[in-house]
Amino acid sequence: MLVTGNRISDSKILSSISFFKLSEKEHKTLKIELRKEISPPEILGKIDLKQKYSCRIKNQICLDSLLKNGMVISWIEPDKEPTKHIFKRFKAVKSELNNWGGYFVFLTTNLKRTIISIIRNKWTTSKILFGADIKSEILSSVVEGRR
């Protein structure tokens, strides 16, 4: 008998049991597959991309114009975790991200500090945009959308 378990985010465990025959002195290689969570993702917040915010993004691109191929928006603090970790991971998968076709928009309350961090990390690509959400208007709208 082979029993596997995979703990998911709400502390539940997805388990499976497989039975197989094994004779004396026989060796067997089994493929182990963990069950995956199949519940739909939870909506954590909503953002009105057509809303005008006092956000400065490289070349003044409107957020709704980036939706065609997909977009990920993240609020960052360049000198702190998990932002440092994200920057390191993105460097490792830069070509895959460029092939995806979507955009990654990183927002911070201090764009100057972000630019310094980017230069220090030598980490740029055309699919990654940096902007300043000076008054945290965009972030606030997402948080309010959760209520």
N, C-alpha and C. Protein backbone atom coordinates (compact mmCIF):
# COMPACT_ATOMS: atom_id res chain seq x y z
N MET A 1 0.85 -1.17 0.00
CA MET A 1 0.00 0.00 0.00
C MET A 1 0.90 1.24 0.00
N LEU A 2 0.52 2.25 -0.80
CA LEU A 2 1.23 3.52 -0.85
C LEU A 2 0.24 4.60 -0.44
N VAL A 3 0.59 5.37 0.58
CA VAL A 3 -0.27 6.46 1.06
C VAL A 3 0.48 7.76 0.87
N THR A 4 -0.18 8.76 0.26
CA THR A 4 0.44 10.09 0.11
C THR A 4 -0.49 11.12 0.72
N GLY A 5 0.08 12.25 1.09
CA GLY A 5 -0.71 13.35 1.63
C GLY A 5 -0.10 14.67 1.22
N ASN A 6 -0.96 15.65 0.98
CA ASN A 6 -0.52 16.98 0.59
C ASN A 6 -1.34 18.00 1.38
N ARG A 7 -0.66 18.71 2.30
CA ARG A 7 -1.37 19.72 3.10
C ARG A 7 -1.61 20.95 2.25
N ILE A 8 -2.85 21.44 2.21
CA ILE A 8 -3.19 22.63 1.43
C ILE A 8 -3.35 23.83 2.35
N SER A 9 -3.59 24.98 1.77
CA SER A 9 -3.51 26.25 2.50
C SER A 9 -4.43 26.34 3.71
N ASP A 10 -5.59 25.69 3.70
CA ASP A 10 -6.49 25.79 4.86
C ASP A 10 -6.23 24.68 5.89
N SER A 11 -5.07 24.05 5.83
CA SER A 11 -4.60 22.99 6.73
C SER A 11 -5.26 21.64 6.50
N LYS A 12 -6.11 21.51 5.49
CA LYS A 12 -6.66 20.21 5.14
C LYS A 12 -5.56 19.40 4.46
N ILE A 13 -5.73 18.08 4.49
CA ILE A 13 -4.76 17.20 3.83
C ILE A 13 -5.49 16.41 2.75
N LEU A 14 -4.98 16.51 1.53
CA LEU A 14 -5.51 15.73 0.42
C LEU A 14 -4.69 14.45 0.36
N SER A 15 -5.33 13.30 0.60
CA SER A 15 -4.58 12.05 0.66
C SER A 15 -5.04 11.10 -0.45
N SER A 16 -4.21 10.12 -0.72
CA SER A 16 -4.59 9.06 -1.65
C SER A 16 -3.94 7.76 -1.20
N ILE A 17 -4.60 6.66 -1.53
CA ILE A 17 -4.10 5.34 -1.18
C ILE A 17 -4.08 4.51 -2.45
N SER A 18 -2.94 3.87 -2.71
CA SER A 18 -2.80 2.99 -3.87
C SER A 18 -2.34 1.62 -3.38
N PHE A 19 -2.93 0.58 -3.94
CA PHE A 19 -2.54 -0.78 -3.59
C PHE A 19 -1.78 -1.39 -4.76
N PHE A 20 -0.78 -2.20 -4.46
CA PHE A 20 -0.01 -2.89 -5.49
C PHE A 20 0.54 -4.18 -4.90
N LYS A 21 0.89 -5.09 -5.77
CA LYS A 21 1.46 -6.37 -5.32
C LYS A 21 2.98 -6.30 -5.42
N LEU A 22 3.61 -6.87 -4.43
CA LEU A 22 5.07 -6.91 -4.40
C LEU A 22 5.48 -8.30 -3.89
N SER A 23 6.13 -9.05 -4.75
CA SER A 23 6.58 -10.39 -4.37
C SER A 23 7.88 -10.29 -3.58
N GLU A 24 8.22 -11.40 -2.94
CA GLU A 24 9.45 -11.45 -2.16
C GLU A 24 10.65 -11.19 -3.06
N LYS A 25 11.56 -10.32 -2.62
CA LYS A 25 12.79 -9.92 -3.33
C LYS A 25 12.51 -9.17 -4.63
N GLU A 26 11.29 -8.71 -4.81
CA GLU A 26 10.95 -7.93 -6.01
C GLU A 26 11.12 -6.44 -5.68
N HIS A 27 11.61 -5.71 -6.64
CA HIS A 27 11.74 -4.25 -6.50
C HIS A 27 10.77 -3.62 -7.48
N LYS A 28 10.15 -2.55 -7.06
CA LYS A 28 9.18 -1.87 -7.91
C LYS A 28 9.42 -0.37 -7.84
N THR A 29 9.33 0.29 -8.97
CA THR A 29 9.39 1.75 -9.02
C THR A 29 7.97 2.26 -9.24
N LEU A 30 7.52 3.10 -8.35
CA LEU A 30 6.16 3.64 -8.44
C LEU A 30 6.21 5.14 -8.69
N LYS A 31 5.33 5.61 -9.51
CA LYS A 31 5.23 7.06 -9.75
C LYS A 31 4.31 7.63 -8.67
N ILE A 32 4.84 8.60 -7.95
CA ILE A 32 4.07 9.22 -6.87
C ILE A 32 3.52 10.54 -7.38
N GLU A 33 2.21 10.69 -7.28
CA GLU A 33 1.55 11.95 -7.66
C GLU A 33 0.73 12.43 -6.47
N LEU A 34 1.03 13.64 -6.03
CA LEU A 34 0.27 14.23 -4.93
C LEU A 34 -1.02 14.83 -5.46
N ARG A 35 -2.08 14.66 -4.71
CA ARG A 35 -3.34 15.28 -5.11
C ARG A 35 -3.19 16.80 -5.02
N LYS A 36 -3.81 17.48 -5.94
CA LYS A 36 -3.75 18.94 -5.96
C LYS A 36 -5.12 19.52 -5.63
N GLU A 37 -5.09 20.69 -5.03
CA GLU A 37 -6.33 21.39 -4.71
C GLU A 37 -7.00 21.82 -6.00
N ILE A 38 -8.27 21.54 -6.16
CA ILE A 38 -8.97 21.90 -7.40
C ILE A 38 -10.07 22.93 -7.18
N SER A 39 -10.14 23.48 -5.97
CA SER A 39 -11.15 24.51 -5.71
C SER A 39 -10.79 25.78 -6.47
N PRO A 40 -11.79 26.55 -6.89
CA PRO A 40 -11.50 27.78 -7.64
C PRO A 40 -10.77 28.79 -6.76
N PRO A 41 -9.90 29.60 -7.37
CA PRO A 41 -9.18 30.60 -6.57
C PRO A 41 -10.14 31.64 -6.00
N GLU A 42 -9.81 32.11 -4.83
CA GLU A 42 -10.62 33.12 -4.16
C GLU A 42 -10.27 34.50 -4.68
N ILE A 43 -11.28 35.32 -4.92
CA ILE A 43 -11.04 36.71 -5.33
C ILE A 43 -10.69 37.50 -4.08
N LEU A 44 -9.49 38.05 -4.07
CA LEU A 44 -9.00 38.76 -2.89
C LEU A 44 -9.31 40.25 -2.93
N GLY A 45 -9.62 40.76 -4.09
CA GLY A 45 -9.93 42.18 -4.22
C GLY A 45 -10.19 42.51 -5.67
N LYS A 46 -10.74 43.66 -5.91
CA LYS A 46 -11.02 44.10 -7.27
C LYS A 46 -10.46 45.50 -7.47
N ILE A 47 -10.10 45.76 -8.71
CA ILE A 47 -9.55 47.08 -9.04
C ILE A 47 -10.22 47.57 -10.31
N ASP A 48 -10.62 48.82 -10.31
CA ASP A 48 -11.20 49.43 -11.50
C ASP A 48 -10.05 50.03 -12.31
N LEU A 49 -9.66 49.32 -13.36
CA LEU A 49 -8.49 49.75 -14.13
C LEU A 49 -8.77 50.97 -15.00
N LYS A 50 -10.03 51.32 -15.18
CA LYS A 50 -10.36 52.52 -15.94
C LYS A 50 -10.38 53.77 -15.07
N GLN A 51 -10.41 53.55 -13.75
CA GLN A 51 -10.38 54.65 -12.80
C GLN A 51 -9.07 55.42 -12.95
N LYS A 52 -9.12 56.73 -12.84
CA LYS A 52 -7.91 57.55 -12.91
C LYS A 52 -7.32 57.69 -11.52
N TYR A 53 -6.10 57.23 -11.39
CA TYR A 53 -5.38 57.32 -10.12
C TYR A 53 -4.19 58.25 -10.30
N SER A 54 -3.69 58.77 -9.19
CA SER A 54 -2.48 59.59 -9.29
C SER A 54 -1.27 58.68 -9.23
N CYS A 55 -1.17 57.81 -10.22
CA CYS A 55 -0.10 56.83 -10.29
C CYS A 55 0.79 57.18 -11.47
N ARG A 56 2.09 57.19 -11.24
CA ARG A 56 3.03 57.44 -12.33
C ARG A 56 3.67 56.13 -12.72
N ILE A 57 3.44 55.72 -13.96
CA ILE A 57 4.06 54.50 -14.48
C ILE A 57 4.94 54.89 -15.65
N LYS A 58 6.03 54.17 -15.81
CA LYS A 58 6.97 54.40 -16.91
C LYS A 58 6.19 54.69 -18.20
N ASN A 59 6.49 55.77 -18.87
CA ASN A 59 5.87 56.19 -20.12
C ASN A 59 4.37 56.47 -20.00
N GLN A 60 3.86 56.67 -18.79
CA GLN A 60 2.46 57.02 -18.57
C GLN A 60 1.47 56.05 -19.22
N ILE A 61 1.69 54.77 -19.12
CA ILE A 61 0.80 53.76 -19.68
C ILE A 61 -0.39 53.59 -18.74
N CYS A 62 -1.60 53.54 -19.30
CA CYS A 62 -2.80 53.29 -18.49
C CYS A 62 -2.88 51.79 -18.19
N LEU A 63 -3.28 51.45 -16.98
CA LEU A 63 -3.33 50.05 -16.58
C LEU A 63 -4.28 49.24 -17.45
N ASP A 64 -5.42 49.81 -17.84
CA ASP A 64 -6.37 49.03 -18.63
C ASP A 64 -5.84 48.69 -20.02
N SER A 65 -4.85 49.41 -20.51
CA SER A 65 -4.27 49.11 -21.82
C SER A 65 -3.35 47.88 -21.78
N LEU A 66 -3.03 47.40 -20.60
CA LEU A 66 -2.13 46.26 -20.44
C LEU A 66 -2.87 44.93 -20.33
N LEU A 67 -4.19 44.96 -20.32
CA LEU A 67 -4.98 43.76 -20.05
C LEU A 67 -5.00 42.74 -21.16
N LYS A 68 -4.69 43.11 -22.38
CA LYS A 68 -4.85 42.22 -23.53
C LYS A 68 -4.23 40.85 -23.31
N ASN A 69 -3.00 40.79 -22.84
CA ASN A 69 -2.30 39.52 -22.65
C ASN A 69 -2.16 39.12 -21.19
N GLY A 70 -2.81 39.84 -20.30
CA GLY A 70 -2.74 39.53 -18.88
C GLY A 70 -1.82 40.48 -18.14
N MET A 71 -2.04 40.58 -16.83
CA MET A 71 -1.25 41.52 -16.03
C MET A 71 -1.25 41.06 -14.58
N VAL A 72 -0.12 41.24 -13.93
CA VAL A 72 0.02 40.99 -12.50
C VAL A 72 0.45 42.32 -11.88
N ILE A 73 -0.28 42.77 -10.87
CA ILE A 73 0.08 44.02 -10.17
C ILE A 73 0.55 43.66 -8.77
N SER A 74 1.71 44.19 -8.38
CA SER A 74 2.26 43.93 -7.05
C SER A 74 2.70 45.25 -6.43
N TRP A 75 2.47 45.37 -5.13
CA TRP A 75 2.99 46.51 -4.39
C TRP A 75 4.26 46.04 -3.69
N ILE A 76 5.31 46.81 -3.84
CA ILE A 76 6.61 46.37 -3.37
C ILE A 76 7.27 47.38 -2.44
N GLU A 77 8.19 46.87 -1.65
CA GLU A 77 9.12 47.69 -0.87
C GLU A 77 10.50 47.16 -1.23
N PRO A 78 11.22 47.83 -2.14
CA PRO A 78 12.44 47.29 -2.74
C PRO A 78 13.53 46.83 -1.79
N ASP A 79 13.62 47.42 -0.62
CA ASP A 79 14.70 47.05 0.29
C ASP A 79 14.26 46.02 1.34
N LYS A 80 13.07 45.42 1.15
CA LYS A 80 12.54 44.48 2.14
C LYS A 80 12.12 43.18 1.47
N GLU A 81 11.93 42.16 2.29
CA GLU A 81 11.35 40.90 1.84
C GLU A 81 9.83 41.08 1.88
N PRO A 82 9.09 40.44 0.99
CA PRO A 82 9.52 39.46 0.01
C PRO A 82 9.96 40.06 -1.33
N THR A 83 10.02 41.39 -1.42
CA THR A 83 10.38 42.02 -2.70
C THR A 83 11.76 41.58 -3.18
N LYS A 84 12.75 41.55 -2.29
CA LYS A 84 14.10 41.12 -2.70
C LYS A 84 14.05 39.71 -3.28
N HIS A 85 13.27 38.85 -2.66
CA HIS A 85 13.15 37.47 -3.13
C HIS A 85 12.48 37.44 -4.52
N ILE A 86 11.45 38.24 -4.71
CA ILE A 86 10.76 38.29 -6.01
C ILE A 86 11.74 38.75 -7.09
N PHE A 87 12.51 39.79 -6.82
CA PHE A 87 13.47 40.28 -7.80
C PHE A 87 14.46 39.19 -8.20
N LYS A 88 14.96 38.43 -7.21
CA LYS A 88 15.91 37.36 -7.53
C LYS A 88 15.25 36.28 -8.37
N ARG A 89 14.02 35.90 -8.04
CA ARG A 89 13.32 34.86 -8.81
C ARG A 89 13.04 35.33 -10.23
N PHE A 90 12.63 36.57 -10.41
CA PHE A 90 12.33 37.07 -11.74
C PHE A 90 13.57 37.07 -12.63
N LYS A 91 14.72 37.37 -12.05
CA LYS A 91 15.96 37.33 -12.84
C LYS A 91 16.19 35.92 -13.38
N ALA A 92 15.86 34.92 -12.59
CA ALA A 92 16.10 33.53 -12.99
C ALA A 92 15.15 33.06 -14.09
N VAL A 93 13.98 33.66 -14.19
CA VAL A 93 12.98 33.20 -15.18
C VAL A 93 12.60 34.30 -16.18
N LYS A 94 13.50 35.24 -16.36
CA LYS A 94 13.23 36.41 -17.21
C LYS A 94 12.76 36.04 -18.61
N SER A 95 13.41 35.08 -19.27
CA SER A 95 13.02 34.74 -20.65
C SER A 95 11.63 34.12 -20.69
N GLU A 96 11.29 33.28 -19.72
CA GLU A 96 9.95 32.68 -19.67
C GLU A 96 8.89 33.75 -19.49
N LEU A 97 9.17 34.74 -18.65
CA LEU A 97 8.21 35.82 -18.43
C LEU A 97 8.02 36.65 -19.69
N ASN A 98 9.08 36.90 -20.41
CA ASN A 98 8.96 37.64 -21.67
C ASN A 98 8.12 36.86 -22.68
N ASN A 99 8.26 35.55 -22.70
CA ASN A 99 7.49 34.72 -23.63
C ASN A 99 6.01 34.67 -23.27
N TRP A 100 5.67 34.87 -22.00
CA TRP A 100 4.27 34.85 -21.56
C TRP A 100 3.46 35.92 -22.30
N GLY A 101 3.99 37.11 -22.45
CA GLY A 101 3.31 38.17 -23.17
C GLY A 101 2.57 39.16 -22.30
N GLY A 102 2.31 38.79 -21.05
CA GLY A 102 1.63 39.70 -20.14
C GLY A 102 2.61 40.66 -19.48
N TYR A 103 2.09 41.51 -18.64
CA TYR A 103 2.92 42.50 -17.95
C TYR A 103 2.91 42.27 -16.45
N PHE A 104 4.03 42.64 -15.83
CA PHE A 104 4.13 42.69 -14.39
C PHE A 104 4.30 44.16 -14.03
N VAL A 105 3.38 44.68 -13.22
CA VAL A 105 3.42 46.08 -12.81
C VAL A 105 3.74 46.11 -11.33
N PHE A 106 4.89 46.71 -11.00
CA PHE A 106 5.30 46.84 -9.61
C PHE A 106 5.08 48.28 -9.18
N LEU A 107 4.32 48.45 -8.12
CA LEU A 107 4.01 49.78 -7.60
C LEU A 107 4.62 49.95 -6.21
N THR A 108 5.03 51.15 -5.94
CA THR A 108 5.58 51.49 -4.63
C THR A 108 5.18 52.93 -4.33
N THR A 109 5.31 53.32 -3.10
CA THR A 109 5.00 54.71 -2.75
C THR A 109 6.17 55.63 -3.04
N ASN A 110 7.34 55.06 -3.33
CA ASN A 110 8.52 55.86 -3.59
C ASN A 110 9.23 55.33 -4.83
N LEU A 111 8.90 55.89 -5.99
CA LEU A 111 9.45 55.42 -7.25
C LEU A 111 10.96 55.59 -7.32
N LYS A 112 11.50 56.66 -6.76
CA LYS A 112 12.94 56.90 -6.81
C LYS A 112 13.70 55.76 -6.15
N ARG A 113 13.22 55.30 -5.00
CA ARG A 113 13.86 54.20 -4.29
C ARG A 113 13.79 52.92 -5.13
N THR A 114 12.67 52.72 -5.84
CA THR A 114 12.51 51.54 -6.69
C THR A 114 13.52 51.55 -7.82
N ILE A 115 13.69 52.70 -8.48
CA ILE A 115 14.63 52.80 -9.60
C ILE A 115 16.05 52.51 -9.13
N ILE A 116 16.42 53.03 -7.96
CA ILE A 116 17.76 52.75 -7.41
C ILE A 116 17.93 51.25 -7.20
N SER A 117 16.92 50.60 -6.67
CA SER A 117 16.99 49.16 -6.43
C SER A 117 17.12 48.38 -7.74
N ILE A 118 16.38 48.80 -8.77
CA ILE A 118 16.44 48.12 -10.07
C ILE A 118 17.83 48.25 -10.67
N ILE A 119 18.39 49.44 -10.63
CA ILE A 119 19.73 49.66 -11.17
C ILE A 119 20.73 48.79 -10.42
N ARG A 120 20.57 48.75 -9.10
CA ARG A 120 21.49 47.95 -8.29
C ARG A 120 21.38 46.47 -8.65
N ASN A 121 20.20 46.00 -8.95
CA ASN A 121 19.99 44.59 -9.29
C ASN A 121 20.19 44.30 -10.78
N LYS A 122 20.37 45.35 -11.60
CA LYS A 122 20.52 45.19 -13.05
C LYS A 122 19.42 44.29 -13.60
N TRP A 123 18.19 44.64 -13.25
CA TRP A 123 17.05 43.78 -13.54
C TRP A 123 15.97 44.57 -14.26
N THR A 124 15.95 44.46 -15.57
CA THR A 124 14.92 45.14 -16.34
C THR A 124 14.49 44.27 -17.50
N THR A 125 13.28 44.44 -17.94
CA THR A 125 12.74 43.79 -19.11
C THR A 125 11.56 44.63 -19.58
N SER A 126 11.21 44.51 -20.84
CA SER A 126 10.12 45.33 -21.38
C SER A 126 8.76 44.89 -20.83
N LYS A 127 8.67 43.72 -20.24
CA LYS A 127 7.40 43.22 -19.72
C LYS A 127 7.19 43.57 -18.25
N ILE A 128 8.12 44.31 -17.69
CA ILE A 128 8.01 44.72 -16.30
C ILE A 128 8.00 46.24 -16.23
N LEU A 129 6.97 46.77 -15.60
CA LEU A 129 6.83 48.22 -15.47
C LEU A 129 6.85 48.58 -13.99
N PHE A 130 7.43 49.72 -13.69
CA PHE A 130 7.49 50.20 -12.33
C PHE A 130 6.75 51.52 -12.23
N GLY A 131 5.99 51.67 -11.17
CA GLY A 131 5.24 52.89 -11.00
C GLY A 131 5.15 53.30 -9.56
N ALA A 132 4.65 54.51 -9.36
CA ALA A 132 4.50 55.05 -8.01
C ALA A 132 3.03 55.24 -7.71
N ASP A 133 2.54 54.56 -6.72
CA ASP A 133 1.19 54.73 -6.20
C ASP A 133 1.33 55.66 -4.99
N ILE A 134 1.64 56.94 -5.32
CA ILE A 134 2.08 57.92 -4.31
C ILE A 134 1.20 57.96 -3.07
N LYS A 135 -0.09 58.08 -3.27
CA LYS A 135 -1.01 58.19 -2.13
C LYS A 135 -1.67 56.86 -1.79
N SER A 136 -1.15 55.78 -2.33
CA SER A 136 -1.69 54.43 -2.13
C SER A 136 -3.15 54.33 -2.55
N GLU A 137 -3.55 55.12 -3.56
CA GLU A 137 -4.94 55.11 -4.02
C GLU A 137 -5.32 53.77 -4.64
N ILE A 138 -4.44 53.21 -5.46
CA ILE A 138 -4.76 51.94 -6.12
C ILE A 138 -4.84 50.83 -5.08
N LEU A 139 -3.86 50.77 -4.19
CA LEU A 139 -3.86 49.77 -3.14
C LEU A 139 -5.12 49.90 -2.28
N SER A 140 -5.48 51.10 -1.91
CA SER A 140 -6.67 51.32 -1.09
C SER A 140 -7.93 50.85 -1.80
N SER A 141 -8.00 51.08 -3.12
CA SER A 141 -9.20 50.66 -3.86
C SER A 141 -9.32 49.15 -3.90
N VAL A 142 -8.21 48.43 -3.96
CA VAL A 142 -8.23 46.98 -3.95
C VAL A 142 -8.68 46.48 -2.58
N VAL A 143 -8.14 47.05 -1.52
CA VAL A 143 -8.50 46.64 -0.17
C VAL A 143 -9.97 46.91 0.09
N GLU A 144 -10.48 48.06 -0.36
CA GLU A 144 -11.90 48.39 -0.18
C GLU A 144 -12.77 47.44 -1.00
N GLY A 145 -12.29 46.96 -2.14
CA GLY A 145 -13.04 46.03 -2.98
C GLY A 145 -13.23 44.68 -2.35
N ARG A 146 -12.44 44.38 -1.31
CA ARG A 146 -12.54 43.08 -0.62
C ARG A 146 -13.72 43.07 0.33
N ARG A 147 -14.19 44.22 0.74
CA ARG A 147 -15.25 44.28 1.77
C ARG A 147 -16.60 43.97 1.20
